Amino acid sequence: LSGEALAGFGLTEPGTGSDAGGTQTRAVLD
């Protein structure tokens, strides 16, 4: 909020633009 740092929003993927529900990135709890 001070502008000292920035953050990105990782939604779009190379093969899934408008079809966000087609997300291929996976996260497994280990």
Full PDB file with SEQRES, HELIX, SHEET, SSBOND, CRYST1, ORIGX, SCALE, CONECT and MASTER records, all heavy atoms in Angstrom:
SEQRES   1 A   30  LEU SER GLY GLU ALA LEU ALA GLY PHE GLY LEU THR GLU          
SEQRES   2 A   30  PRO GLY THR GLY SER ASP ALA GLY GLY THR GLN THR ARG          
SEQRES   3 A   30  ALA VAL LEU ASP                                              
HELIX    1 AA1 ALA A   20  GLY A   22  5                                   3    
CRYST1    1.000    1.000    1.000  90.00  90.00  90.00 P 1           1          
ORIGX1      1.000000  0.000000  0.000000        0.00000                         
ORIGX2      0.000000  1.000000  0.000000        0.00000                         
ORIGX3      0.000000  0.000000  1.000000        0.00000                         
SCALE1      1.000000  0.000000  0.000000        0.00000                         
SCALE2      0.000000  1.000000  0.000000        0.00000                         
SCALE3      0.000000  0.000000  1.000000        0.00000                         
ATOM      1  N   LEU A   1       0.814  -1.214   0.000  1.00  0.00           N  
ATOM      2  CA  LEU A   1       0.000   0.000   0.000  1.00  0.00           C  
ATOM      3  C   LEU A   1       0.845   1.261   0.000  1.00  0.00           C  
ATOM      4  O   LEU A   1       0.352   2.339  -0.356  1.00  0.00           O  
ATOM      5  CB  LEU A   1      -0.952   0.011   1.201  1.00  0.00           C  
ATOM      6  CG  LEU A   1      -1.876  -1.201   1.366  1.00  0.00           C  
ATOM      7  CD1 LEU A   1      -2.973  -0.910   2.361  1.00  0.00           C  
ATOM      8  CD2 LEU A   1      -2.467  -1.625   0.036  1.00  0.00           C  
ATOM      9  N   SER A   2       2.099   1.152   0.378  1.00  0.00           N  
ATOM     10  CA  SER A   2       3.000   2.312   0.336  1.00  0.00           C  
ATOM     11  C   SER A   2       3.710   2.431  -1.001  1.00  0.00           C  
ATOM     12  O   SER A   2       4.380   3.439  -1.264  1.00  0.00           O  
ATOM     13  CB  SER A   2       4.043   2.196   1.450  1.00  0.00           C  
ATOM     14  OG  SER A   2       4.949   1.134   1.182  1.00  0.00           O  
ATOM     15  N   GLY A   3       3.591   1.406  -1.829  1.00  0.00           N  
ATOM     16  CA  GLY A   3       4.297   1.410  -3.107  1.00  0.00           C  
ATOM     17  C   GLY A   3       5.736   0.954  -3.006  1.00  0.00           C  
ATOM     18  O   GLY A   3       6.456   0.935  -4.009  1.00  0.00           O  
ATOM     19  N   GLU A   4       6.168   0.547  -1.818  1.00  0.00           N  
ATOM     20  CA  GLU A   4       7.531   0.029  -1.663  1.00  0.00           C  
ATOM     21  C   GLU A   4       7.687  -1.319  -2.346  1.00  0.00           C  
ATOM     22  O   GLU A   4       8.790  -1.713  -2.725  1.00  0.00           O  
ATOM     23  CB  GLU A   4       7.873  -0.118  -0.178  1.00  0.00           C  
ATOM     24  CG  GLU A   4       7.918   1.172   0.603  1.00  0.00           C  
ATOM     25  CD  GLU A   4       8.170   0.912   2.076  1.00  0.00           C  
ATOM     26  OE1 GLU A   4       9.224   0.330   2.391  1.00  0.00           O  
ATOM     27  OE2 GLU A   4       7.294   1.258   2.900  1.00  0.00           O  
ATOM     28  N   ALA A   5       6.574  -2.046  -2.471  1.00  0.00           N  
ATOM     29  CA  ALA A   5       6.583  -3.364  -3.103  1.00  0.00           C  
ATOM     30  C   ALA A   5       5.377  -3.494  -4.019  1.00  0.00           C  
ATOM     31  O   ALA A   5       4.370  -2.788  -3.867  1.00  0.00           O  
ATOM     32  CB  ALA A   5       6.570  -4.469  -2.043  1.00  0.00           C  
ATOM     33  N   LEU A   6       5.484  -4.415  -4.974  1.00  0.00           N  
ATOM     34  CA  LEU A   6       4.401  -4.704  -5.901  1.00  0.00           C  
ATOM     35  C   LEU A   6       4.053  -6.180  -5.824  1.00  0.00           C  
ATOM     36  O   LEU A   6       4.863  -6.999  -5.390  1.00  0.00           O  
ATOM     37  CB  LEU A   6       4.807  -4.363  -7.337  1.00  0.00           C  
ATOM     38  CG  LEU A   6       5.172  -2.911  -7.638  1.00  0.00           C  
ATOM     39  CD1 LEU A   6       5.682  -2.780  -9.064  1.00  0.00           C  
ATOM     40  CD2 LEU A   6       3.991  -1.986  -7.403  1.00  0.00           C  
ATOM     41  N   ALA A   7       2.853  -6.517  -6.255  1.00  0.00           N  
ATOM     42  CA  ALA A   7       2.423  -7.918  -6.303  1.00  0.00           C  
ATOM     43  C   ALA A   7       1.760  -8.179  -7.639  1.00  0.00           C  
ATOM     44  O   ALA A   7       1.134  -7.295  -8.232  1.00  0.00           O  
ATOM     45  CB  ALA A   7       1.452  -8.228  -5.165  1.00  0.00           C  
ATOM     46  N   GLY A   8       1.892  -9.418  -8.124  1.00  0.00           N  
ATOM     47  CA  GLY A   8       1.251  -9.831  -9.366  1.00  0.00           C  
ATOM     48  C   GLY A   8       0.103 -10.779  -9.098  1.00  0.00           C  
ATOM     49  O   GLY A   8      -0.012 -11.357  -8.009  1.00  0.00           O  
ATOM     50  N   PHE A   9      -0.743 -10.951 -10.103  1.00  0.00           N  
ATOM     51  CA  PHE A   9      -1.924 -11.809  -9.997  1.00  0.00           C  
ATOM     52  C   PHE A   9      -1.809 -12.888 -11.067  1.00  0.00           C  
ATOM     53  O   PHE A   9      -2.022 -12.626 -12.248  1.00  0.00           O  
ATOM     54  CB  PHE A   9      -3.185 -10.959 -10.198  1.00  0.00           C  
ATOM     55  CG  PHE A   9      -4.487 -11.695 -10.037  1.00  0.00           C  
ATOM     56  CD1 PHE A   9      -4.838 -12.258  -8.818  1.00  0.00           C  
ATOM     57  CD2 PHE A   9      -5.385 -11.784 -11.089  1.00  0.00           C  
ATOM     58  CE1 PHE A   9      -6.059 -12.912  -8.659  1.00  0.00           C  
ATOM     59  CE2 PHE A   9      -6.611 -12.430 -10.940  1.00  0.00           C  
ATOM     60  CZ  PHE A   9      -6.941 -12.991  -9.723  1.00  0.00           C  
ATOM     61  N   GLY A  10      -1.434 -14.094 -10.669  1.00  0.00           N  
ATOM     62  CA  GLY A  10      -1.152 -15.173 -11.612  1.00  0.00           C  
ATOM     63  C   GLY A  10      -2.381 -15.984 -11.959  1.00  0.00           C  
ATOM     64  O   GLY A  10      -2.608 -17.050 -11.363  1.00  0.00           O  
ATOM     65  N   LEU A  11      -3.147 -15.508 -12.927  1.00  0.00           N  
ATOM     66  CA  LEU A  11      -4.350 -16.211 -13.353  1.00  0.00           C  
ATOM     67  C   LEU A  11      -4.187 -16.798 -14.754  1.00  0.00           C  
ATOM     68  O   LEU A  11      -4.316 -18.003 -14.961  1.00  0.00           O  
ATOM     69  CB  LEU A  11      -5.549 -15.259 -13.328  1.00  0.00           C  
ATOM     70  CG  LEU A  11      -6.853 -15.776 -13.948  1.00  0.00           C  
ATOM     71  CD1 LEU A  11      -7.348 -17.009 -13.208  1.00  0.00           C  
ATOM     72  CD2 LEU A  11      -7.910 -14.678 -13.944  1.00  0.00           C  
ATOM     73  N   THR A  12      -3.888 -15.949 -15.741  1.00  0.00           N  
ATOM     74  CA  THR A  12      -3.825 -16.376 -17.134  1.00  0.00           C  
ATOM     75  C   THR A  12      -2.691 -17.372 -17.369  1.00  0.00           C  
ATOM     76  O   THR A  12      -1.606 -17.240 -16.817  1.00  0.00           O  
ATOM     77  CB  THR A  12      -3.630 -15.155 -18.050  1.00  0.00           C  
ATOM     78  OG1 THR A  12      -4.687 -14.227 -17.818  1.00  0.00           O  
ATOM     79  CG2 THR A  12      -3.626 -15.567 -19.508  1.00  0.00           C  
ATOM     80  N   GLU A  13      -2.964 -18.355 -18.211  1.00  0.00           N  
ATOM     81  CA  GLU A  13      -1.954 -19.354 -18.572  1.00  0.00           C  
ATOM     82  C   GLU A  13      -1.767 -19.369 -20.086  1.00  0.00           C  
ATOM     83  O   GLU A  13      -2.639 -18.896 -20.829  1.00  0.00           O  
ATOM     84  CB  GLU A  13      -2.371 -20.734 -18.062  1.00  0.00           C  
ATOM     85  CG  GLU A  13      -2.466 -20.796 -16.548  1.00  0.00           C  
ATOM     86  CD  GLU A  13      -2.717 -22.207 -16.016  1.00  0.00           C  
ATOM     87  OE1 GLU A  13      -2.857 -23.138 -16.843  1.00  0.00           O  
ATOM     88  OE2 GLU A  13      -2.760 -22.361 -14.784  1.00  0.00           O  
ATOM     89  N   PRO A  14      -0.633 -19.909 -20.570  1.00  0.00           N  
ATOM     90  CA  PRO A  14      -0.373 -19.914 -22.012  1.00  0.00           C  
ATOM     91  C   PRO A  14      -1.487 -20.539 -22.839  1.00  0.00           C  
ATOM     92  O   PRO A  14      -1.771 -20.097 -23.947  1.00  0.00           O  
ATOM     93  CB  PRO A  14       0.927 -20.722 -22.121  1.00  0.00           C  
ATOM     94  CG  PRO A  14       1.616 -20.506 -20.815  1.00  0.00           C  
ATOM     95  CD  PRO A  14       0.520 -20.436 -19.797  1.00  0.00           C  
ATOM     96  N   GLY A  15      -2.151 -21.551 -22.319  1.00  0.00           N  
ATOM     97  CA  GLY A  15      -3.192 -22.227 -23.088  1.00  0.00           C  
ATOM     98  C   GLY A  15      -4.603 -21.942 -22.617  1.00  0.00           C  
ATOM     99  O   GLY A  15      -5.560 -22.510 -23.150  1.00  0.00           O  
ATOM    100  N   THR A  16      -4.750 -21.079 -21.617  1.00  0.00           N  
ATOM    101  CA  THR A  16      -6.086 -20.792 -21.080  1.00  0.00           C  
ATOM    102  C   THR A  16      -6.208 -19.300 -20.830  1.00  0.00           C  
ATOM    103  O   THR A  16      -5.899 -18.815 -19.751  1.00  0.00           O  
ATOM    104  CB  THR A  16      -6.338 -21.555 -19.763  1.00  0.00           C  
ATOM    105  OG1 THR A  16      -5.324 -21.204 -18.809  1.00  0.00           O  
ATOM    106  CG2 THR A  16      -6.301 -23.044 -19.987  1.00  0.00           C  
ATOM    107  N   GLY A  17      -6.671 -18.576 -21.833  1.00  0.00           N  
ATOM    108  CA  GLY A  17      -6.855 -17.140 -21.697  1.00  0.00           C  
ATOM    109  C   GLY A  17      -8.215 -16.832 -21.109  1.00  0.00           C  
ATOM    110  O   GLY A  17      -8.401 -16.765 -19.899  1.00  0.00           O  
ATOM    111  N   SER A  18      -9.225 -16.688 -21.979  1.00  0.00           N  
ATOM    112  CA  SER A  18     -10.583 -16.397 -21.504  1.00  0.00           C  
ATOM    113  C   SER A  18     -11.176 -17.554 -20.711  1.00  0.00           C  
ATOM    114  O   SER A  18     -12.046 -17.358 -19.867  1.00  0.00           O  
ATOM    115  CB  SER A  18     -11.497 -16.078 -22.694  1.00  0.00           C  
ATOM    116  OG  SER A  18     -11.036 -14.929 -23.380  1.00  0.00           O  
ATOM    117  N   ASP A  19     -10.704 -18.767 -20.977  1.00  0.00           N  
ATOM    118  CA  ASP A  19     -11.210 -19.958 -20.278  1.00  0.00           C  
ATOM    119  C   ASP A  19     -10.419 -20.178 -18.995  1.00  0.00           C  
ATOM    120  O   ASP A  19      -9.619 -21.105 -18.877  1.00  0.00           O  
ATOM    121  CB  ASP A  19     -11.093 -21.178 -21.193  1.00  0.00           C  
ATOM    122  CG  ASP A  19     -11.611 -22.455 -20.523  1.00  0.00           C  
ATOM    123  OD1 ASP A  19     -12.340 -22.336 -19.515  1.00  0.00           O  
ATOM    124  OD2 ASP A  19     -11.275 -23.544 -21.005  1.00  0.00           O  
ATOM    125  N   ALA A  20     -10.662 -19.286 -18.005  1.00  0.00           N  
ATOM    126  CA  ALA A  20      -9.916 -19.386 -16.752  1.00  0.00           C  
ATOM    127  C   ALA A  20     -10.206 -20.686 -16.018  1.00  0.00           C  
ATOM    128  O   ALA A  20      -9.389 -21.184 -15.239  1.00  0.00           O  
ATOM    129  CB  ALA A  20     -10.247 -18.191 -15.854  1.00  0.00           C  
ATOM    130  N   GLY A  21     -11.381 -21.262 -16.274  1.00  0.00           N  
ATOM    131  CA  GLY A  21     -11.716 -22.526 -15.637  1.00  0.00           C  
ATOM    132  C   GLY A  21     -10.879 -23.682 -16.154  1.00  0.00           C  
ATOM    133  O   GLY A  21     -10.889 -24.770 -15.575  1.00  0.00           O  
ATOM    134  N   GLY A  22     -10.140 -23.447 -17.243  1.00  0.00           N  
ATOM    135  CA  GLY A  22      -9.286 -24.486 -17.788  1.00  0.00           C  
ATOM    136  C   GLY A  22      -7.890 -24.489 -17.200  1.00  0.00           C  
ATOM    137  O   GLY A  22      -6.963 -25.051 -17.796  1.00  0.00           O  
ATOM    138  N   THR A  23      -7.709 -23.878 -16.056  1.00  0.00           N  
ATOM    139  CA  THR A  23      -6.407 -23.797 -15.386  1.00  0.00           C  
ATOM    140  C   THR A  23      -5.729 -25.164 -15.305  1.00  0.00           C  
ATOM    141  O   THR A  23      -6.337 -26.161 -14.905  1.00  0.00           O  
ATOM    142  CB  THR A  23      -6.579 -23.228 -13.957  1.00  0.00           C  
ATOM    143  OG1 THR A  23      -7.087 -21.898 -14.049  1.00  0.00           O  
ATOM    144  CG2 THR A  23      -5.256 -23.206 -13.204  1.00  0.00           C  
ATOM    145  N   GLN A  24      -4.446 -25.194 -15.686  1.00  0.00           N  
ATOM    146  CA  GLN A  24      -3.663 -26.428 -15.648  1.00  0.00           C  
ATOM    147  C   GLN A  24      -2.643 -26.456 -14.511  1.00  0.00           C  
ATOM    148  O   GLN A  24      -2.190 -27.534 -14.112  1.00  0.00           O  
ATOM    149  CB  GLN A  24      -2.923 -26.614 -16.980  1.00  0.00           C  
ATOM    150  CG  GLN A  24      -3.845 -26.744 -18.189  1.00  0.00           C  
ATOM    151  CD  GLN A  24      -4.743 -27.963 -18.097  1.00  0.00           C  
ATOM    152  OE1 GLN A  24      -4.272 -29.073 -17.838  1.00  0.00           O  
ATOM    153  NE2 GLN A  24      -6.038 -27.758 -18.294  1.00  0.00           N  
ATOM    154  N   THR A  25      -2.247 -25.292 -14.010  1.00  0.00           N  
ATOM    155  CA  THR A  25      -1.302 -25.252 -12.889  1.00  0.00           C  
ATOM    156  C   THR A  25      -1.880 -26.009 -11.704  1.00  0.00           C  
ATOM    157  O   THR A  25      -3.060 -25.849 -11.364  1.00  0.00           O  
ATOM    158  CB  THR A  25      -1.002 -23.791 -12.496  1.00  0.00           C  
ATOM    159  OG1 THR A  25      -0.384 -23.136 -13.593  1.00  0.00           O  
ATOM    160  CG2 THR A  25      -0.093 -23.718 -11.286  1.00  0.00           C  
ATOM    161  N   ARG A  26      -1.052 -26.822 -11.068  1.00  0.00           N  
ATOM    162  CA  ARG A  26      -1.526 -27.650  -9.964  1.00  0.00           C  
ATOM    163  C   ARG A  26      -0.713 -27.400  -8.701  1.00  0.00           C  
ATOM    164  O   ARG A  26       0.480 -27.102  -8.771  1.00  0.00           O  
ATOM    165  CB  ARG A  26      -1.469 -29.138 -10.325  1.00  0.00           C  
ATOM    166  CG  ARG A  26      -2.425 -29.497 -11.443  1.00  0.00           C  
ATOM    167  CD  ARG A  26      -2.527 -30.989 -11.698  1.00  0.00           C  
ATOM    168  NE  ARG A  26      -3.576 -31.267 -12.667  1.00  0.00           N  
ATOM    169  CZ  ARG A  26      -4.858 -31.460 -12.359  1.00  0.00           C  
ATOM    170  NH1 ARG A  26      -5.227 -31.430 -11.080  1.00  0.00           N  
ATOM    171  NH2 ARG A  26      -5.747 -31.691 -13.301  1.00  0.00           N  
ATOM    172  N   ALA A  27      -1.394 -27.537  -7.577  1.00  0.00           N  
ATOM    173  CA  ALA A  27      -0.740 -27.433  -6.276  1.00  0.00           C  
ATOM    174  C   ALA A  27      -1.189 -28.615  -5.421  1.00  0.00           C  
ATOM    175  O   ALA A  27      -2.392 -28.845  -5.240  1.00  0.00           O  
ATOM    176  CB  ALA A  27      -1.103 -26.112  -5.599  1.00  0.00           C  
ATOM    177  N   VAL A  28      -0.219 -29.356  -4.926  1.00  0.00           N  
ATOM    178  CA  VAL A  28      -0.496 -30.544  -4.117  1.00  0.00           C  
ATOM    179  C   VAL A  28       0.001 -30.294  -2.698  1.00  0.00           C  
ATOM    180  O   VAL A  28       1.126 -29.820  -2.498  1.00  0.00           O  
ATOM    181  CB  VAL A  28       0.205 -31.788  -4.711  1.00  0.00           C  
ATOM    182  CG1 VAL A  28      -0.033 -33.004  -3.826  1.00  0.00           C  
ATOM    183  CG2 VAL A  28      -0.297 -32.049  -6.130  1.00  0.00           C  
ATOM    184  N   LEU A  29      -0.839 -30.594  -1.722  1.00  0.00           N  
ATOM    185  CA  LEU A  29      -0.448 -30.413  -0.331  1.00  0.00           C  
ATOM    186  C   LEU A  29       0.420 -31.589   0.100  1.00  0.00           C  
ATOM    187  O   LEU A  29      -0.015 -32.738   0.096  1.00  0.00           O  
ATOM    188  CB  LEU A  29      -1.694 -30.307   0.549  1.00  0.00           C  
ATOM    189  CG  LEU A  29      -1.506 -29.715   1.950  1.00  0.00           C  
ATOM    190  CD1 LEU A  29      -0.901 -28.311   1.883  1.00  0.00           C  
ATOM    191  CD2 LEU A  29      -2.841 -29.685   2.685  1.00  0.00           C  
ATOM    192  N   ASP A  30       1.668 -31.284   0.447  1.00  0.00           N  
ATOM    193  CA  ASP A  30       2.626 -32.295   0.898  1.00  0.00           C  
ATOM    194  C   ASP A  30       3.043 -31.918   2.314  1.00  0.00           C  
ATOM    195  O   ASP A  30       3.912 -31.070   2.513  1.00  0.00           O  
ATOM    196  CB  ASP A  30       3.832 -32.322  -0.043  1.00  0.00           C  
ATOM    197  CG  ASP A  30       4.858 -33.382   0.357  1.00  0.00           C  
ATOM    198  OD1 ASP A  30       4.489 -34.313   1.100  1.00  0.00           O  
ATOM    199  OD2 ASP A  30       6.029 -33.247  -0.060  1.00  0.00           O  
TER     200      ASP A  30                                                      
MASTER        0    0    0    1    0    0    0    6  199    1    0    3          
END                                                                             
